[in-house]
């Protein structure tokens, strides 16, 4: 007699839904994660064998946020069959044109975990105006917080803090 096991997909979907933070609890100026399924990352599962190498994505965007003057996104670049490198990219709006503030490595991750549902435990991008009396206020810092799922069994990993100050992306708060 065989007993069917519960689907892992259902468990991951429930875990992904649990990650969303109500906007009332979010810090002022912080953005919520863009709710996007990364279904294209699963293309390599569809065609095993010789043709699979052509369908494997080399890089996938797993989170993206756009605020008034800040665009930030996380990408995972595949480094081996099971591993990937997560990188943070930031662009700023300057005189009507988006310019790069830089990109920094976040961490290494398991490819299937980083590109699957619930990969982000925390994703927060904020814009903070200076406390001076300038009009309009000058944005001096843009705090960014990233926390990735290590694996479904281990849960969330370390929290990484970044900030954009005076047009350049830097690690730390």
Protein backbone atom coordinates (compact mmCIF):
# COMPACT_ATOMS: atom_id res chain seq x y z
CA UNK A 1 0.00 0.00 0.00
CA UNK A 2 1.42 3.39 -1.04
CA UNK A 3 0.62 6.54 0.87
CA UNK A 4 0.82 9.75 -1.19
CA UNK A 5 3.10 12.43 0.27
CA UNK A 6 2.04 16.09 0.38
CA UNK A 7 3.29 18.22 -2.46
CA UNK A 8 6.41 20.30 -1.77
CA UNK A 9 5.07 22.97 -4.13
CA UNK A 10 2.09 23.62 -1.86
CA UNK A 11 4.38 23.98 1.16
CA UNK A 12 6.61 26.46 -0.65
CA UNK A 13 3.63 28.48 -1.83
CA UNK A 14 2.41 28.75 1.76
CA UNK A 15 5.91 29.75 2.89
CA UNK A 16 6.10 32.40 0.16
CA UNK A 17 2.76 33.84 1.25
CA UNK A 18 3.99 34.01 4.86
CA UNK A 19 6.93 36.23 3.84
CA UNK A 20 4.77 39.19 2.80
CA UNK A 21 4.75 41.91 5.45
CA UNK A 22 1.64 44.08 5.82
CA UNK A 23 2.38 47.63 4.74
CA UNK A 24 1.21 48.92 8.11
CA UNK A 25 4.16 47.12 9.76
CA UNK A 26 6.77 48.30 7.23
CA UNK A 27 9.16 51.12 8.01
CA UNK A 28 8.22 54.51 6.54
CA UNK A 29 9.69 54.89 3.08
CA UNK A 30 10.40 51.14 2.80
CA UNK A 31 9.14 49.22 -0.16
CA UNK A 32 7.52 45.83 -0.21
CA UNK A 33 8.88 42.98 -2.31
CA UNK A 34 7.58 42.81 -5.81
CA UNK A 35 5.50 39.66 -5.95
CA UNK A 36 6.89 37.88 -8.98
CA UNK A 37 7.08 34.19 -9.68
CA UNK A 38 10.35 33.19 -11.25
CA UNK A 39 8.94 30.47 -13.47
CA UNK A 40 11.55 30.97 -16.17
CA UNK A 41 14.17 29.68 -13.74
CA UNK A 42 12.54 26.25 -13.87
CA UNK A 43 13.01 25.89 -17.64
CA UNK A 44 16.00 23.57 -17.14
CA UNK A 45 13.74 20.99 -15.49
CA UNK A 46 11.57 20.68 -18.58
CA UNK A 47 14.09 19.27 -21.06
CA UNK A 48 16.58 16.80 -19.64
CA UNK A 49 19.44 15.60 -21.78
CA UNK A 50 21.46 17.21 -24.54
CA UNK A 51 19.19 20.20 -25.23
CA UNK A 52 18.96 21.22 -21.57
CA UNK A 53 22.10 23.35 -21.68
CA UNK A 54 20.47 25.77 -24.11
CA UNK A 55 17.34 26.25 -21.98
CA UNK A 56 19.19 26.94 -18.71
CA UNK A 57 19.11 30.59 -17.71
CA UNK A 58 22.49 31.96 -16.70
CA UNK A 59 21.04 34.84 -14.67
CA UNK A 60 17.62 35.48 -13.12
CA UNK A 61 16.21 38.59 -11.43
CA UNK A 62 14.57 37.44 -8.18
CA UNK A 63 13.42 40.79 -6.76
CA UNK A 64 12.85 44.27 -8.13
CA UNK A 65 11.69 47.51 -6.53
CA UNK A 66 11.25 50.93 -8.08
CA UNK A 67 10.71 54.01 -5.93
CA UNK A 68 10.56 57.66 -6.98
CA UNK A 69 14.33 58.03 -7.48
CA UNK A 70 15.69 54.55 -6.78
CA UNK A 71 15.59 51.24 -8.66
CA UNK A 72 17.02 48.18 -6.94
CA UNK A 73 17.04 44.55 -8.00
CA UNK A 74 18.59 41.25 -6.95
CA UNK A 75 19.95 38.87 -9.54
CA UNK A 76 21.27 35.33 -9.25
CA UNK A 77 23.98 34.28 -11.69
CA UNK A 78 24.44 30.56 -12.04
CA UNK A 79 27.99 29.53 -11.11
CA UNK A 80 27.61 25.74 -11.21
CA UNK A 81 24.91 23.13 -11.58
CA UNK A 82 23.56 23.70 -8.06
CA UNK A 83 25.01 27.06 -7.02
CA UNK A 84 24.55 30.72 -7.85
CA UNK A 85 25.91 34.11 -6.82
CA UNK A 86 23.38 36.69 -5.62
CA UNK A 87 24.14 40.31 -6.51
CA UNK A 88 22.43 43.62 -5.63
CA UNK A 89 22.13 46.29 -8.37
CA UNK A 90 20.99 49.88 -7.82
CA UNK A 91 20.21 52.72 -10.24
CA UNK A 92 19.31 56.31 -9.35
CA UNK A 93 17.22 58.87 -11.20
CA UNK A 94 19.44 61.86 -11.95
CA UNK A 95 18.09 64.72 -14.11
CA UNK A 96 15.56 62.43 -15.76
CA UNK A 97 18.06 59.65 -16.55
CA UNK A 98 18.61 56.39 -14.67
CA UNK A 99 22.30 55.95 -13.81
CA UNK A 100 24.00 53.06 -12.05
CA UNK A 101 24.93 53.56 -8.40
CA UNK A 102 26.78 50.24 -8.53
CA UNK A 103 26.33 46.58 -7.80
CA UNK A 104 27.70 44.46 -4.97
CA UNK A 105 27.75 40.74 -4.19
CA UNK A 106 25.31 39.65 -1.50
CA UNK A 107 26.12 35.97 -1.02
CA UNK A 108 26.35 32.58 -2.67
CA UNK A 109 23.23 30.46 -2.66
CA UNK A 110 21.77 27.19 -3.87
CA UNK A 111 20.42 27.88 -7.38
CA UNK A 112 17.09 26.11 -6.92
CA UNK A 113 16.47 27.77 -3.53
CA UNK A 114 17.45 31.28 -4.70
CA UNK A 115 15.30 31.07 -7.84
CA UNK A 116 12.35 29.28 -6.25
CA UNK A 117 9.29 30.54 -4.41
CA UNK A 118 9.97 32.08 -1.02
CA UNK A 119 13.63 32.81 -1.83
CA UNK A 120 13.45 36.20 -0.11
CA UNK A 121 12.87 36.39 3.61
CA UNK A 122 13.46 40.16 3.70
CA UNK A 123 13.72 42.68 0.87
CA UNK A 124 13.47 46.32 1.83
CA UNK A 125 14.48 49.42 -0.10
CA UNK A 126 13.95 52.87 1.37
CA UNK A 127 14.50 56.52 0.56
CA UNK A 128 15.44 58.85 3.41
CA UNK A 129 15.43 62.62 3.09
CA UNK A 130 17.99 64.70 4.93
CA UNK A 131 16.97 66.42 8.13
CA UNK A 132 18.02 69.87 6.90
CA UNK A 133 15.71 72.58 5.71
CA UNK A 134 16.38 72.19 1.99
CA UNK A 135 13.54 72.53 -0.45
CA UNK A 136 13.00 70.11 -2.08
CA UNK A 137 14.59 67.66 0.41
CA UNK A 138 17.84 66.04 -0.75
CA UNK A 139 17.93 62.24 -0.57
CA UNK A 140 21.16 61.43 1.21
CA UNK A 141 20.74 57.75 2.12
CA UNK A 142 18.83 54.84 0.71
CA UNK A 143 18.92 51.84 3.09
CA UNK A 144 18.59 48.37 1.54
CA UNK A 145 18.08 45.14 3.51
CA UNK A 146 18.34 41.63 2.05
CA UNK A 147 17.77 38.28 3.76
CA UNK A 148 17.71 35.11 1.67
CA UNK A 149 16.33 31.65 2.32
CA UNK A 150 19.23 29.22 2.87
CA UNK A 151 17.04 26.18 2.28
CA UNK A 152 13.52 25.13 3.23
CA UNK A 153 14.98 23.00 6.02
CA UNK A 154 17.42 25.58 7.42
CA UNK A 155 15.21 28.64 7.01
CA UNK A 156 16.39 32.21 6.53
CA UNK A 157 20.06 33.13 6.62
CA UNK A 158 22.04 36.19 7.59
CA UNK A 159 20.63 39.69 7.05
CA UNK A 160 22.72 41.87 4.73
CA UNK A 161 22.56 45.66 4.92
CA UNK A 162 23.53 48.06 2.15
CA UNK A 163 23.00 51.75 1.53
CA UNK A 164 23.34 54.27 -1.24
CA UNK A 165 24.94 57.46 -0.10
CA UNK A 166 25.82 60.35 -2.36
CA UNK A 167 25.19 58.26 -5.46
CA UNK A 168 27.26 55.17 -4.61
CA UNK A 169 26.18 51.74 -3.37
CA UNK A 170 28.06 50.61 -0.26
CA UNK A 171 27.82 47.72 2.21
CA UNK A 172 26.63 48.35 5.78
CA UNK A 173 23.94 50.51 7.28
